[in-house]
Amino acid sequence: MDRDPVNSTSIRSIGYDPESEKMEVEFLKGTVYTYSDVSEGVFNTLMTSESIGKAFSSLIKSGGFSYEKTE
């Protein structure tokens, strides 16, 4: 999955596949996590947020999405 760079102090890039509803997040330290069952609406809200880091924390981390470390 291709990831796009984002302006964040903790996240380097984010990618999304609407077909599988999977989202990849690469953190600045190089760790990549894949989150499952992320709706396109949640992804769009995250990507258009003023602070991607804060939005990630409230939408994804607190949202109970299952995830796996992929790299």
PDB file of N, CA and C in Angstrom:
ATOM      1  N   MET A   1       0.856  -1.172   0.000  1.00  0.00           N
ATOM      2  CA  MET A   1       0.000   0.000   0.000  1.00  0.00           C
ATOM      3  C   MET A   1       0.906   1.241   0.000  1.00  0.00           C
ATOM      4  N   ASP A   2       0.579   2.195  -0.835  1.00  0.00           N
ATOM      5  CA  ASP A   2       1.328   3.450  -0.866  1.00  0.00           C
ATOM      6  C   ASP A   2       0.910   4.310   0.317  1.00  0.00           C
ATOM      7  N   ARG A   3       1.901   4.973   0.907  1.00  0.00           N
ATOM      8  CA  ARG A   3       1.625   5.897   2.003  1.00  0.00           C
ATOM      9  C   ARG A   3       2.038   7.303   1.575  1.00  0.00           C
ATOM     10  N   ASP A   4       1.253   8.277   2.011  1.00  0.00           N
ATOM     11  CA  ASP A   4       1.558   9.679   1.721  1.00  0.00           C
ATOM     12  C   ASP A   4       2.171  10.329   2.953  1.00  0.00           C
ATOM     13  N   PRO A   5       3.209  11.152   2.747  1.00  0.00           N
ATOM     14  CA  PRO A   5       3.793  11.871   3.881  1.00  0.00           C
ATOM     15  C   PRO A   5       2.771  12.809   4.514  1.00  0.00           C
ATOM     16  N   VAL A   6       2.848  12.961   5.832  1.00  0.00           N
ATOM     17  CA  VAL A   6       1.947  13.870   6.541  1.00  0.00           C
ATOM     18  C   VAL A   6       2.767  14.826   7.398  1.00  0.00           C
ATOM     19  N   ASN A   7       2.170  15.945   7.738  1.00  0.00           N
ATOM     20  CA  ASN A   7       2.807  16.939   8.586  1.00  0.00           C
ATOM     21  C   ASN A   7       2.434  16.641  10.037  1.00  0.00           C
ATOM     22  N   SER A   8       3.334  15.961  10.736  1.00  0.00           N
ATOM     23  CA  SER A   8       3.061  15.546  12.108  1.00  0.00           C
ATOM     24  C   SER A   8       4.386  15.400  12.852  1.00  0.00           C
ATOM     25  N   THR A   9       4.343  15.607  14.150  1.00  0.00           N
ATOM     26  CA  THR A   9       5.554  15.429  14.952  1.00  0.00           C
ATOM     27  C   THR A   9       5.758  13.983  15.382  1.00  0.00           C
ATOM     28  N   SER A  10       4.787  13.108  15.096  1.00  0.00           N
ATOM     29  CA  SER A  10       4.932  11.707  15.496  1.00  0.00           C
ATOM     30  C   SER A  10       4.723  10.705  14.359  1.00  0.00           C
ATOM     31  N   ILE A  11       4.058  11.137  13.281  1.00  0.00           N
ATOM     32  CA  ILE A  11       3.716  10.235  12.178  1.00  0.00           C
ATOM     33  C   ILE A  11       4.401  10.716  10.899  1.00  0.00           C
ATOM     34  N   ARG A  12       5.070   9.789  10.203  1.00  0.00           N
ATOM     35  CA  ARG A  12       5.762  10.136   8.958  1.00  0.00           C
ATOM     36  C   ARG A  12       4.825  10.046   7.742  1.00  0.00           C
ATOM     37  N   SER A  13       4.046   8.949   7.663  1.00  0.00           N
ATOM     38  CA  SER A  13       3.199   8.760   6.484  1.00  0.00           C
ATOM     39  C   SER A  13       2.001   7.875   6.828  1.00  0.00           C
ATOM     40  N   ILE A  14       0.956   8.016   6.003  1.00  0.00           N
ATOM     41  CA  ILE A  14      -0.279   7.245   6.193  1.00  0.00           C
ATOM     42  C   ILE A  14      -0.781   6.793   4.826  1.00  0.00           C
ATOM     43  N   GLY A  15      -1.207   5.535   4.768  1.00  0.00           N
ATOM     44  CA  GLY A  15      -1.807   5.000   3.551  1.00  0.00           C
ATOM     45  C   GLY A  15      -3.148   4.369   3.878  1.00  0.00           C
ATOM     46  N   TYR A  16      -3.990   4.266   2.864  1.00  0.00           N
ATOM     47  CA  TYR A  16      -5.327   3.703   3.091  1.00  0.00           C
ATOM     48  C   TYR A  16      -5.797   2.936   1.871  1.00  0.00           C
ATOM     49  N   ASP A  17      -6.414   1.784   2.100  1.00  0.00           N
ATOM     50  CA  ASP A  17      -7.032   0.994   1.049  1.00  0.00           C
ATOM     51  C   ASP A  17      -8.524   0.891   1.351  1.00  0.00           C
ATOM     52  N   PRO A  18      -9.356   1.650   0.609  1.00  0.00           N
ATOM     53  CA  PRO A  18     -10.794   1.653   0.900  1.00  0.00           C
ATOM     54  C   PRO A  18     -11.463   0.296   0.674  1.00  0.00           C
ATOM     55  N   GLU A  19     -10.915  -0.515  -0.218  1.00  0.00           N
ATOM     56  CA  GLU A  19     -11.509  -1.820  -0.502  1.00  0.00           C
ATOM     57  C   GLU A  19     -11.416  -2.761   0.710  1.00  0.00           C
ATOM     58  N   SER A  20     -10.259  -2.782   1.342  1.00  0.00           N
ATOM     59  CA  SER A  20     -10.072  -3.663   2.493  1.00  0.00           C
ATOM     60  C   SER A  20     -10.298  -2.935   3.825  1.00  0.00           C
ATOM     61  N   GLU A  21     -10.463  -1.615   3.758  1.00  0.00           N
ATOM     62  CA  GLU A  21     -10.604  -0.757   4.945  1.00  0.00           C
ATOM     63  C   GLU A  21      -9.416  -0.920   5.893  1.00  0.00           C
ATOM     64  N   LYS A  22      -8.225  -1.032   5.293  1.00  0.00           N
ATOM     65  CA  LYS A  22      -6.997  -1.100   6.083  1.00  0.00           C
ATOM     66  C   LYS A  22      -6.230   0.205   5.929  1.00  0.00           C
ATOM     67  N   MET A  23      -5.617   0.632   7.022  1.00  0.00           N
ATOM     68  CA  MET A  23      -4.835   1.859   7.029  1.00  0.00           C
ATOM     69  C   MET A  23      -3.461   1.565   7.604  1.00  0.00           C
ATOM     70  N   GLU A  24      -2.422   1.992   6.896  1.00  0.00           N
ATOM     71  CA  GLU A  24      -1.057   1.848   7.384  1.00  0.00           C
ATOM     72  C   GLU A  24      -0.569   3.186   7.914  1.00  0.00           C
ATOM     73  N   VAL A  25       0.086   3.131   9.057  1.00  0.00           N
ATOM     74  CA  VAL A  25       0.645   4.331   9.670  1.00  0.00           C
ATOM     75  C   VAL A  25       2.119   4.076   9.947  1.00  0.00           C
ATOM     76  N   GLU A  26       2.969   4.923   9.369  1.00  0.00           N
ATOM     77  CA  GLU A  26       4.402   4.846   9.635  1.00  0.00           C
ATOM     78  C   GLU A  26       4.764   5.973  10.588  1.00  0.00           C
ATOM     79  N   PHE A  27       5.338   5.595  11.712  1.00  0.00           N
ATOM     80  CA  PHE A  27       5.745   6.584  12.704  1.00  0.00           C
ATOM     81  C   PHE A  27       7.158   7.065  12.409  1.00  0.00           C
ATOM     82  N   LEU A  28       7.545   8.182  12.988  1.00  0.00           N
ATOM     83  CA  LEU A  28       8.844   8.778  12.713  1.00  0.00           C
ATOM     84  C   LEU A  28      10.000   7.834  13.023  1.00  0.00           C
ATOM     85  N   LYS A  29       9.832   6.958  13.993  1.00  0.00           N
ATOM     86  CA  LYS A  29      10.894   6.015  14.353  1.00  0.00           C
ATOM     87  C   LYS A  29      11.007   4.862  13.358  1.00  0.00           C
ATOM     88  N   GLY A  30      10.121   4.831  12.348  1.00  0.00           N
ATOM     89  CA  GLY A  30      10.178   3.808  11.313  1.00  0.00           C
ATOM     90  C   GLY A  30       9.230   2.646  11.498  1.00  0.00           C
ATOM     91  N   THR A  31       8.574   2.566  12.643  1.00  0.00           N
ATOM     92  CA  THR A  31       7.628   1.484  12.900  1.00  0.00           C
ATOM     93  C   THR A  31       6.368   1.693  12.066  1.00  0.00           C
ATOM     94  N   VAL A  32       5.842   0.616  11.487  1.00  0.00           N
ATOM     95  CA  VAL A  32       4.627   0.678  10.676  1.00  0.00           C
ATOM     96  C   VAL A  32       3.572  -0.240  11.297  1.00  0.00           C
ATOM     97  N   TYR A  33       2.379   0.296  11.460  1.00  0.00           N
ATOM     98  CA  TYR A  33       1.253  -0.488  11.971  1.00  0.00           C
ATOM     99  C   TYR A  33       0.143  -0.469  10.924  1.00  0.00           C
ATOM    100  N   THR A  34      -0.549  -1.599  10.800  1.00  0.00           N
ATOM    101  CA  THR A  34      -1.715  -1.688   9.927  1.00  0.00           C
ATOM    102  C   THR A  34      -2.954  -1.814  10.805  1.00  0.00           C
ATOM    103  N   TYR A  35      -3.894  -0.908  10.607  1.00  0.00           N
ATOM    104  CA  TYR A  35      -5.151  -0.883  11.359  1.00  0.00           C
ATOM    105  C   TYR A  35      -6.263  -1.418  10.466  1.00  0.00           C
ATOM    106  N   SER A  36      -7.144  -2.233  11.039  1.00  0.00           N
ATOM    107  CA  SER A  36      -8.217  -2.883  10.284  1.00  0.00           C
ATOM    108  C   SER A  36      -9.566  -2.235  10.551  1.00  0.00           C
ATOM    109  N   ASP A  37     -10.459  -2.385   9.571  1.00  0.00           N
ATOM    110  CA  ASP A  37     -11.850  -1.917   9.660  1.00  0.00           C
ATOM    111  C   ASP A  37     -11.963  -0.411   9.883  1.00  0.00           C
ATOM    112  N   VAL A  38     -11.070   0.337   9.239  1.00  0.00           N
ATOM    113  CA  VAL A  38     -11.107   1.802   9.315  1.00  0.00           C
ATOM    114  C   VAL A  38     -11.967   2.298   8.151  1.00  0.00           C
ATOM    115  N   SER A  39     -13.076   2.933   8.459  1.00  0.00           N
ATOM    116  CA  SER A  39     -13.964   3.417   7.396  1.00  0.00           C
ATOM    117  C   SER A  39     -13.305   4.577   6.646  1.00  0.00           C
ATOM    118  N   GLU A  40     -13.744   4.782   5.441  1.00  0.00           N
ATOM    119  CA  GLU A  40     -13.210   5.881   4.635  1.00  0.00           C
ATOM    120  C   GLU A  40     -13.491   7.227   5.302  1.00  0.00           C
ATOM    121  N   GLY A  41     -14.637   7.332   5.979  1.00  0.00           N
ATOM    122  CA  GLY A  41     -14.981   8.561   6.691  1.00  0.00           C
ATOM    123  C   GLY A  41     -14.002   8.865   7.816  1.00  0.00           C
ATOM    124  N   VAL A  42     -13.625   7.846   8.578  1.00  0.00           N
ATOM    125  CA  VAL A  42     -12.649   8.031   9.666  1.00  0.00           C
ATOM    126  C   VAL A  42     -11.296   8.429   9.071  1.00  0.00           C
ATOM    127  N   PHE A  43     -10.898   7.745   8.000  1.00  0.00           N
ATOM    128  CA  PHE A  43      -9.632   8.076   7.342  1.00  0.00           C
ATOM    129  C   PHE A  43      -9.636   9.525   6.852  1.00  0.00           C
ATOM    130  N   ASN A  44     -10.705   9.942   6.190  1.00  0.00           N
ATOM    131  CA  ASN A  44     -10.788  11.316   5.673  1.00  0.00           C
ATOM    132  C   ASN A  44     -10.774  12.341   6.800  1.00  0.00           C
ATOM    133  N   THR A  45     -11.457  12.042   7.900  1.00  0.00           N
ATOM    134  CA  THR A  45     -11.442  12.940   9.047  1.00  0.00           C
ATOM    135  C   THR A  45     -10.023  13.082   9.591  1.00  0.00           C
ATOM    136  N   LEU A  46      -9.322  11.969   9.702  1.00  0.00           N
ATOM    137  CA  LEU A  46      -7.943  11.984  10.178  1.00  0.00           C
ATOM    138  C   LEU A  46      -7.061  12.843   9.266  1.00  0.00           C
ATOM    139  N   MET A  47      -7.150  12.606   7.970  1.00  0.00           N
ATOM    140  CA  MET A  47      -6.259  13.273   7.024  1.00  0.00           C
ATOM    141  C   MET A  47      -6.546  14.766   6.869  1.00  0.00           C
ATOM    142  N   THR A  48      -7.741  15.195   7.207  1.00  0.00           N
ATOM    143  CA  THR A  48      -8.078  16.622   7.074  1.00  0.00           C
ATOM    144  C   THR A  48      -8.046  17.348   8.409  1.00  0.00           C
ATOM    145  N   SER A  49      -7.598  16.668   9.444  1.00  0.00           N
ATOM    146  CA  SER A  49      -7.542  17.287  10.766  1.00  0.00           C
ATOM    147  C   SER A  49      -6.412  18.308  10.842  1.00  0.00           C
ATOM    148  N   GLU A  50      -6.620  19.292  11.699  1.00  0.00           N
ATOM    149  CA  GLU A  50      -5.598  20.309  11.920  1.00  0.00           C
ATOM    150  C   GLU A  50      -4.342  19.685  12.525  1.00  0.00           C
ATOM    151  N   SER A  51      -4.530  18.738  13.439  1.00  0.00           N
ATOM    152  CA  SER A  51      -3.416  18.017  14.056  1.00  0.00           C
ATOM    153  C   SER A  51      -3.618  16.523  13.824  1.00  0.00           C
ATOM    154  N   ILE A  52      -2.831  15.962  12.925  1.00  0.00           N
ATOM    155  CA  ILE A  52      -2.982  14.543  12.612  1.00  0.00           C
ATOM    156  C   ILE A  52      -2.654  13.682  13.827  1.00  0.00           C
ATOM    157  N   GLY A  53      -1.655  14.064  14.597  1.00  0.00           N
ATOM    158  CA  GLY A  53      -1.278  13.304  15.788  1.00  0.00           C
ATOM    159  C   GLY A  53      -2.395  13.235  16.803  1.00  0.00           C
ATOM    160  N   LYS A  54      -3.021  14.379  17.072  1.00  0.00           N
ATOM    161  CA  LYS A  54      -4.136  14.413  18.031  1.00  0.00           C
ATOM    162  C   LYS A  54      -5.334  13.637  17.493  1.00  0.00           C
ATOM    163  N   ALA A  55      -5.612  13.809  16.207  1.00  0.00           N
ATOM    164  CA  ALA A  55      -6.737  13.096  15.602  1.00  0.00           C
ATOM    165  C   ALA A  55      -6.485  11.591  15.607  1.00  0.00           C
ATOM    166  N   PHE A  56      -5.245  11.178  15.335  1.00  0.00           N
ATOM    167  CA  PHE A  56      -4.898   9.764  15.372  1.00  0.00           C
ATOM    168  C   PHE A  56      -5.165   9.199  16.771  1.00  0.00           C
ATOM    169  N   SER A  57      -4.744   9.949  17.773  1.00  0.00           N
ATOM    170  CA  SER A  57      -4.936   9.511  19.156  1.00  0.00           C
ATOM    171  C   SER A  57      -6.415   9.337  19.493  1.00  0.00           C
ATOM    172  N   SER A  58      -7.225  10.317  19.122  1.00  0.00           N
ATOM    173  CA  SER A  58      -8.640  10.266  19.502  1.00  0.00           C
ATOM    174  C   SER A  58      -9.464   9.342  18.601  1.00  0.00           C
ATOM    175  N   LEU A  59      -9.162   9.310  17.305  1.00  0.00           N
ATOM    176  CA  LEU A  59      -9.968   8.500  16.381  1.00  0.00           C
ATOM    177  C   LEU A  59      -9.519   7.047  16.320  1.00  0.00           C
ATOM    178  N   ILE A  60      -8.229   6.832  16.242  1.00  0.00           N
ATOM    179  CA  ILE A  60      -7.714   5.481  15.990  1.00  0.00           C
ATOM    180  C   ILE A  60      -7.303   4.774  17.278  1.00  0.00           C
ATOM    181  N   LYS A  61      -6.400   5.374  18.036  1.00  0.00           N
ATOM    182  CA  LYS A  61      -5.942   4.717  19.268  1.00  0.00           C
ATOM    183  C   LYS A  61      -7.083   4.500  20.244  1.00  0.00           C
ATOM    184  N   SER A  62      -7.921   5.504  20.417  1.00  0.00           N
ATOM    185  CA  SER A  62      -9.055   5.387  21.344  1.00  0.00           C
ATOM    186  C   SER A  62     -10.262   4.729  20.696  1.00  0.00           C
ATOM    187  N   GLY A  63     -10.200   4.500  19.389  1.00  0.00           N
ATOM    188  CA  GLY A  63     -11.327   3.946  18.656  1.00  0.00           C
ATOM    189  C   GLY A  63     -11.451   2.433  18.728  1.00  0.00           C
ATOM    190  N   GLY A  64     -10.470   1.782  19.313  1.00  0.00           N
ATOM    191  CA  GLY A  64     -10.548   0.331  19.475  1.00  0.00           C
ATOM    192  C   GLY A  64     -10.298  -0.470  18.217  1.00  0.00           C
ATOM    193  N   PHE A  65      -9.622   0.109  17.235  1.00  0.00           N
ATOM    194  CA  PHE A  65      -9.335  -0.614  16.001  1.00  0.00           C
ATOM    195  C   PHE A  65      -8.284  -1.692  16.260  1.00  0.00           C
ATOM    196  N   SER A  66      -8.483  -2.854  15.644  1.00  0.00           N
ATOM    197  CA  SER A  66      -7.454  -3.874  15.773  1.00  0.00           C
ATOM    198  C   SER A  66      -6.284  -3.489  14.865  1.00  0.00           C
ATOM    199  N   TYR A  67      -5.091  -3.905  15.262  1.00  0.00           N
ATOM    200  CA  TYR A  67      -3.906  -3.517  14.507  1.00  0.00           C
ATOM    201  C   TYR A  67      -2.825  -4.575  14.639  1.00  0.00           C
ATOM    202  N   GLU A  68      -1.865  -4.482  13.744  1.00  0.00           N
ATOM    203  CA  GLU A  68      -0.694  -5.334  13.839  1.00  0.00           C
ATOM    204  C   GLU A  68       0.520  -4.546  13.382  1.00  0.00           C
ATOM    205  N   LYS A  69       1.634  -4.827  14.007  1.00  0.00           N
ATOM    206  CA  LYS A  69       2.902  -4.216  13.616  1.00  0.00           C
ATOM    207  C   LYS A  69       3.361  -4.934  12.347  1.00  0.00           C
ATOM    208  N   THR A  70       3.620  -4.176  11.284  1.00  0.00           N
ATOM    209  CA  THR A  70       3.921  -4.817  10.008  1.00  0.00           C
ATOM    210  C   THR A  70       5.373  -4.654   9.575  1.00  0.00           C
ATOM    211  N   GLU A  71       6.102  -3.722  10.146  1.00  0.00           N
ATOM    212  CA  GLU A  71       7.515  -3.545   9.774  1.00  0.00           C
ATOM    213  C   GLU A  71       8.306  -3.178  10.991  1.00  0.00           C
TER     214      GLU A  71
END
